[in-house]
N, C-alpha and C. Protein backbone atom coordinates (compact mmCIF):
# COMPACT_ATOMS: atom_id res chain seq x y z
N MET A 1 113.12 94.45 103.17
CA MET A 1 112.28 94.30 101.99
C MET A 1 113.19 94.14 100.78
N ARG A 2 112.78 93.23 99.92
CA ARG A 2 113.49 93.02 98.66
C ARG A 2 112.65 93.63 97.55
N SER A 3 113.27 94.43 96.70
CA SER A 3 112.57 95.06 95.58
C SER A 3 113.21 94.62 94.27
N ILE A 4 112.37 94.29 93.32
CA ILE A 4 112.81 93.86 92.00
C ILE A 4 112.14 94.76 90.98
N ARG A 5 112.92 95.34 90.09
CA ARG A 5 112.40 96.22 89.04
C ARG A 5 112.90 95.70 87.69
N LEU A 6 112.00 95.44 86.78
CA LEU A 6 112.35 94.95 85.45
C LEU A 6 111.76 95.88 84.40
N ASP A 7 112.55 96.16 83.37
CA ASP A 7 112.03 96.95 82.26
C ASP A 7 111.85 96.04 81.05
N ALA A 8 111.49 96.61 79.93
CA ALA A 8 111.18 95.83 78.73
C ALA A 8 112.31 94.92 78.29
N TRP A 9 113.55 95.30 78.56
CA TRP A 9 114.71 94.51 78.11
C TRP A 9 114.84 93.19 78.87
N GLU A 10 114.14 93.04 79.97
CA GLU A 10 114.19 91.82 80.78
C GLU A 10 113.17 90.77 80.32
N PHE A 11 112.30 91.14 79.41
CA PHE A 11 111.27 90.23 78.93
C PHE A 11 111.67 89.64 77.59
N GLU A 12 110.94 88.63 77.14
CA GLU A 12 111.27 87.93 75.89
C GLU A 12 111.44 88.88 74.72
N SER A 13 110.60 89.87 74.63
CA SER A 13 110.66 90.82 73.52
C SER A 13 110.69 92.23 74.09
N SER A 14 111.75 92.97 73.80
CA SER A 14 111.83 94.33 74.33
C SER A 14 110.75 95.23 73.74
N CYS A 15 110.18 94.85 72.61
CA CYS A 15 109.11 95.68 72.04
C CYS A 15 107.77 95.43 72.73
N SER A 16 107.74 94.54 73.73
CA SER A 16 106.51 94.32 74.49
C SER A 16 106.21 95.50 75.40
N GLU A 17 107.22 96.31 75.68
CA GLU A 17 107.09 97.50 76.53
C GLU A 17 106.54 97.16 77.92
N GLU A 18 106.91 95.99 78.43
CA GLU A 18 106.45 95.57 79.75
C GLU A 18 107.38 96.10 80.84
N THR A 19 106.80 96.35 82.00
CA THR A 19 107.58 96.61 83.20
C THR A 19 106.98 95.77 84.33
N LEU A 20 107.81 95.41 85.27
CA LEU A 20 107.36 94.62 86.41
C LEU A 20 108.06 95.16 87.65
N GLN A 21 107.27 95.41 88.69
CA GLN A 21 107.81 95.84 89.97
C GLN A 21 107.30 94.90 91.05
N LEU A 22 108.23 94.37 91.82
CA LEU A 22 107.89 93.48 92.93
C LEU A 22 108.54 94.03 94.19
N ASP A 23 107.79 94.05 95.26
CA ASP A 23 108.32 94.37 96.59
C ASP A 23 107.88 93.24 97.50
N ILE A 24 108.86 92.63 98.18
CA ILE A 24 108.59 91.42 98.95
C ILE A 24 109.20 91.57 100.35
N SER A 25 108.41 91.30 101.36
CA SER A 25 108.92 91.32 102.73
C SER A 25 108.52 90.02 103.41
N ARG A 26 109.51 89.30 103.91
CA ARG A 26 109.23 88.08 104.65
C ARG A 26 108.61 88.44 105.99
N ARG A 27 107.55 87.78 106.34
CA ARG A 27 106.88 88.07 107.61
C ARG A 27 107.79 87.82 108.81
N ASP A 28 108.61 86.77 108.71
CA ASP A 28 109.47 86.44 109.86
C ASP A 28 110.61 87.43 110.06
N SER A 29 110.79 88.37 109.14
CA SER A 29 111.82 89.40 109.32
C SER A 29 111.41 90.40 110.39
N GLY A 30 110.11 90.52 110.63
CA GLY A 30 109.61 91.47 111.63
C GLY A 30 109.65 92.92 111.17
N GLN A 31 109.99 93.17 109.92
CA GLN A 31 110.09 94.53 109.42
C GLN A 31 108.73 95.22 109.41
N TYR A 32 107.68 94.48 109.05
CA TYR A 32 106.32 95.03 109.01
C TYR A 32 105.41 94.12 109.81
N SER A 33 104.59 94.72 110.66
CA SER A 33 103.70 93.92 111.50
C SER A 33 102.38 93.59 110.81
N SER A 34 102.09 94.30 109.72
CA SER A 34 100.82 94.07 109.03
C SER A 34 100.95 94.44 107.56
N LEU A 35 99.99 93.97 106.77
CA LEU A 35 99.95 94.34 105.36
C LEU A 35 99.72 95.85 105.22
N ALA A 36 98.93 96.42 106.10
CA ALA A 36 98.68 97.87 106.06
C ALA A 36 99.97 98.65 106.25
N GLU A 37 100.81 98.22 107.16
CA GLU A 37 102.10 98.90 107.39
C GLU A 37 103.01 98.75 106.17
N PHE A 38 103.02 97.57 105.57
CA PHE A 38 103.79 97.31 104.36
C PHE A 38 103.32 98.22 103.23
N ALA A 39 102.01 98.30 103.01
CA ALA A 39 101.44 99.15 101.96
C ALA A 39 101.75 100.62 102.20
N GLN A 40 101.68 101.04 103.44
CA GLN A 40 101.98 102.43 103.78
C GLN A 40 103.43 102.77 103.45
N GLU A 41 104.34 101.87 103.77
CA GLU A 41 105.76 102.09 103.47
C GLU A 41 105.99 102.27 101.97
N LEU A 42 105.20 101.59 101.16
CA LEU A 42 105.32 101.69 99.71
C LEU A 42 104.55 102.87 99.12
N GLY A 43 103.84 103.61 99.97
CA GLY A 43 103.09 104.77 99.51
C GLY A 43 101.82 104.40 98.75
N LEU A 44 101.29 103.21 99.03
CA LEU A 44 100.10 102.74 98.32
C LEU A 44 98.83 103.20 99.03
N THR A 45 97.83 103.52 98.25
CA THR A 45 96.51 103.84 98.78
C THR A 45 95.73 102.53 98.85
N TRP A 46 95.47 102.08 100.04
CA TRP A 46 94.79 100.81 100.24
C TRP A 46 94.04 100.86 101.56
N ALA A 47 92.80 100.44 101.54
CA ALA A 47 91.99 100.40 102.75
C ALA A 47 91.91 98.96 103.25
N PRO A 48 92.36 98.69 104.47
CA PRO A 48 92.33 97.32 104.99
C PRO A 48 90.95 96.67 104.96
N GLU A 49 89.89 97.48 104.98
CA GLU A 49 88.54 96.91 104.95
C GLU A 49 88.10 96.51 103.53
N GLN A 50 88.92 96.86 102.54
CA GLN A 50 88.62 96.46 101.15
C GLN A 50 88.62 94.94 101.08
N LEU A 51 87.65 94.37 100.39
CA LEU A 51 87.53 92.92 100.30
C LEU A 51 88.66 92.32 99.48
N SER A 52 89.18 91.22 99.95
CA SER A 52 90.20 90.51 99.17
C SER A 52 89.50 89.73 98.05
N VAL A 53 90.28 89.36 97.06
CA VAL A 53 89.74 88.61 95.91
C VAL A 53 90.40 87.24 95.86
N PRO A 54 89.67 86.21 95.43
CA PRO A 54 90.30 84.91 95.23
C PRO A 54 91.35 85.02 94.13
N LEU A 55 92.56 84.58 94.41
CA LEU A 55 93.65 84.73 93.45
C LEU A 55 93.35 84.10 92.11
N GLY A 56 92.75 82.93 92.12
CA GLY A 56 92.45 82.23 90.88
C GLY A 56 91.41 82.92 90.02
N SER A 57 90.69 83.89 90.58
CA SER A 57 89.65 84.58 89.82
C SER A 57 90.20 85.73 88.98
N LEU A 58 91.44 86.10 89.20
CA LEU A 58 92.03 87.20 88.43
C LEU A 58 92.31 86.74 87.01
N SER A 59 91.95 87.57 86.05
CA SER A 59 92.13 87.17 84.64
C SER A 59 93.59 86.95 84.28
N GLN A 60 94.50 87.59 84.96
CA GLN A 60 95.94 87.47 84.65
C GLN A 60 96.69 86.60 85.67
N TRP A 61 95.98 85.76 86.43
CA TRP A 61 96.62 85.01 87.51
C TRP A 61 97.76 84.11 87.01
N GLY A 62 97.59 83.46 85.87
CA GLY A 62 98.65 82.61 85.33
C GLY A 62 99.92 83.40 85.07
N MET A 63 99.79 84.59 84.52
CA MET A 63 100.94 85.45 84.26
C MET A 63 101.59 85.89 85.57
N VAL A 64 100.77 86.24 86.56
CA VAL A 64 101.31 86.65 87.86
C VAL A 64 102.16 85.52 88.45
N CYS A 65 101.63 84.30 88.46
CA CYS A 65 102.37 83.14 88.99
C CYS A 65 103.67 82.92 88.23
N ALA A 66 103.62 83.01 86.91
CA ALA A 66 104.82 82.80 86.09
C ALA A 66 105.87 83.85 86.39
N HIS A 67 105.47 85.10 86.53
CA HIS A 67 106.42 86.17 86.85
C HIS A 67 107.05 85.96 88.22
N LEU A 68 106.24 85.57 89.21
CA LEU A 68 106.77 85.37 90.56
C LEU A 68 107.76 84.21 90.60
N ARG A 69 107.46 83.14 89.86
CA ARG A 69 108.39 82.00 89.81
C ARG A 69 109.71 82.40 89.13
N GLU A 70 109.60 83.05 87.99
CA GLU A 70 110.78 83.37 87.19
C GLU A 70 111.64 84.47 87.81
N HIS A 71 111.04 85.52 88.31
CA HIS A 71 111.81 86.69 88.72
C HIS A 71 112.04 86.81 90.23
N ALA A 72 111.24 86.10 91.02
CA ALA A 72 111.41 86.20 92.48
C ALA A 72 111.57 84.84 93.14
N GLN A 73 111.54 83.76 92.35
CA GLN A 73 111.64 82.41 92.85
C GLN A 73 110.61 82.11 93.93
N LEU A 74 109.38 82.59 93.71
CA LEU A 74 108.27 82.35 94.61
C LEU A 74 107.20 81.55 93.88
N ASP A 75 106.66 80.56 94.56
CA ASP A 75 105.60 79.75 93.95
C ASP A 75 104.37 79.81 94.83
N LEU A 76 103.34 80.50 94.34
CA LEU A 76 102.10 80.61 95.09
C LEU A 76 101.16 79.46 94.83
N GLY A 77 101.46 78.64 93.83
CA GLY A 77 100.58 77.53 93.51
C GLY A 77 99.18 78.01 93.23
N GLU A 78 98.22 77.42 93.87
CA GLU A 78 96.82 77.82 93.66
C GLU A 78 96.43 79.00 94.54
N GLY A 79 97.32 79.41 95.44
CA GLY A 79 97.02 80.55 96.28
C GLY A 79 96.05 80.27 97.40
N ASP A 80 95.87 79.00 97.75
CA ASP A 80 94.89 78.65 98.77
C ASP A 80 95.14 79.33 100.12
N GLN A 81 96.42 79.53 100.47
CA GLN A 81 96.76 80.12 101.75
C GLN A 81 97.03 81.62 101.63
N SER A 82 96.69 82.19 100.51
CA SER A 82 97.01 83.59 100.25
C SER A 82 95.75 84.42 100.11
N GLN A 83 95.92 85.71 100.37
CA GLN A 83 94.86 86.67 100.13
C GLN A 83 95.43 87.74 99.20
N ALA A 84 94.60 88.27 98.34
CA ALA A 84 95.05 89.33 97.43
C ALA A 84 94.03 90.46 97.42
N TRP A 85 94.56 91.65 97.26
CA TRP A 85 93.73 92.83 97.12
C TRP A 85 94.09 93.45 95.79
N LEU A 86 93.09 93.63 94.98
CA LEU A 86 93.27 94.16 93.63
C LEU A 86 93.29 95.68 93.70
N LEU A 87 94.44 96.26 93.38
CA LEU A 87 94.56 97.70 93.36
C LEU A 87 94.24 98.24 91.97
N GLN A 88 94.55 97.44 90.94
CA GLN A 88 94.26 97.82 89.55
C GLN A 88 94.36 96.58 88.68
N GLU A 89 93.39 96.36 87.81
CA GLU A 89 93.49 95.31 86.81
C GLU A 89 92.76 95.79 85.56
N LEU A 90 93.54 96.24 84.59
CA LEU A 90 92.99 96.57 83.29
C LEU A 90 93.18 95.34 82.43
N GLU A 91 92.18 94.97 81.69
CA GLU A 91 92.13 93.68 80.99
C GLU A 91 93.44 93.28 80.32
N TRP A 92 94.08 94.17 79.64
CA TRP A 92 95.27 93.77 78.88
C TRP A 92 96.54 94.52 79.26
N SER A 93 96.44 95.60 80.03
CA SER A 93 97.61 96.45 80.17
C SER A 93 98.18 96.63 81.58
N GLU A 94 97.47 96.24 82.64
CA GLU A 94 98.01 96.48 83.97
C GLU A 94 97.39 95.56 85.01
N VAL A 95 98.23 95.08 85.91
CA VAL A 95 97.79 94.32 87.08
C VAL A 95 98.59 94.86 88.27
N HIS A 96 97.89 95.28 89.31
CA HIS A 96 98.54 95.80 90.51
C HIS A 96 97.86 95.15 91.72
N LEU A 97 98.63 94.38 92.48
CA LEU A 97 98.09 93.59 93.58
C LEU A 97 98.88 93.79 94.87
N LEU A 98 98.21 93.64 95.98
CA LEU A 98 98.83 93.39 97.27
C LEU A 98 98.48 91.96 97.62
N ILE A 99 99.47 91.18 98.02
CA ILE A 99 99.26 89.77 98.35
C ILE A 99 99.82 89.50 99.73
N SER A 100 99.07 88.77 100.53
CA SER A 100 99.51 88.37 101.86
C SER A 100 99.45 86.85 101.96
N THR A 101 100.57 86.23 102.30
CA THR A 101 100.61 84.79 102.52
C THR A 101 101.10 84.55 103.95
N ASP A 102 101.17 83.29 104.34
CA ASP A 102 101.70 82.97 105.67
C ASP A 102 103.18 83.37 105.78
N ALA A 103 103.89 83.42 104.65
CA ALA A 103 105.33 83.66 104.67
C ALA A 103 105.75 85.09 104.34
N PHE A 104 104.95 85.82 103.55
CA PHE A 104 105.41 87.13 103.13
C PHE A 104 104.28 88.08 102.76
N PHE A 105 104.63 89.36 102.66
CA PHE A 105 103.80 90.40 102.08
C PHE A 105 104.42 90.72 100.72
N LEU A 106 103.57 90.98 99.72
CA LEU A 106 104.08 91.19 98.38
C LEU A 106 103.26 92.26 97.66
N ARG A 107 103.95 93.14 96.96
CA ARG A 107 103.31 94.04 96.01
C ARG A 107 103.75 93.61 94.63
N TYR A 108 102.81 93.43 93.74
CA TYR A 108 103.06 93.02 92.36
C TYR A 108 102.45 94.07 91.46
N GLN A 109 103.25 94.65 90.55
CA GLN A 109 102.71 95.58 89.57
C GLN A 109 103.36 95.32 88.21
N TRP A 110 102.51 94.92 87.26
CA TRP A 110 102.92 94.68 85.89
C TRP A 110 102.19 95.65 85.00
N PHE A 111 102.89 96.16 83.99
CA PHE A 111 102.30 97.17 83.12
C PHE A 111 102.89 97.03 81.72
N THR A 112 102.08 97.27 80.71
CA THR A 112 102.57 97.32 79.33
C THR A 112 101.86 98.44 78.59
N THR A 113 102.57 99.00 77.63
CA THR A 113 101.96 100.02 76.78
C THR A 113 101.82 99.51 75.35
N ALA A 114 102.25 98.27 75.12
CA ALA A 114 102.20 97.72 73.75
C ALA A 114 100.81 97.33 73.36
């Protein structure tokens, strides 16, 4: 698993008080056999029967894509082949997702206090 942690100093303005945490596991690594196993390893509370959400329907989806491209060199595009589970989305201050694609499992958590 690859983990990326960014604090406010990594963003355009350090006064934005943003943080970003990414955890990424390639499916072909064989490290995790399922998204549930990946989530458990991260200590996340997630029920596999929870309904996934269309990625494009998330209010912060553009920001999520931009962060993944810039900080993890991942391009989800429109997310057609991906599933996401919303763990937390506060309109302006937090987005926490589990994402499953054909290639990887991903945890995305962005937060700001500004």
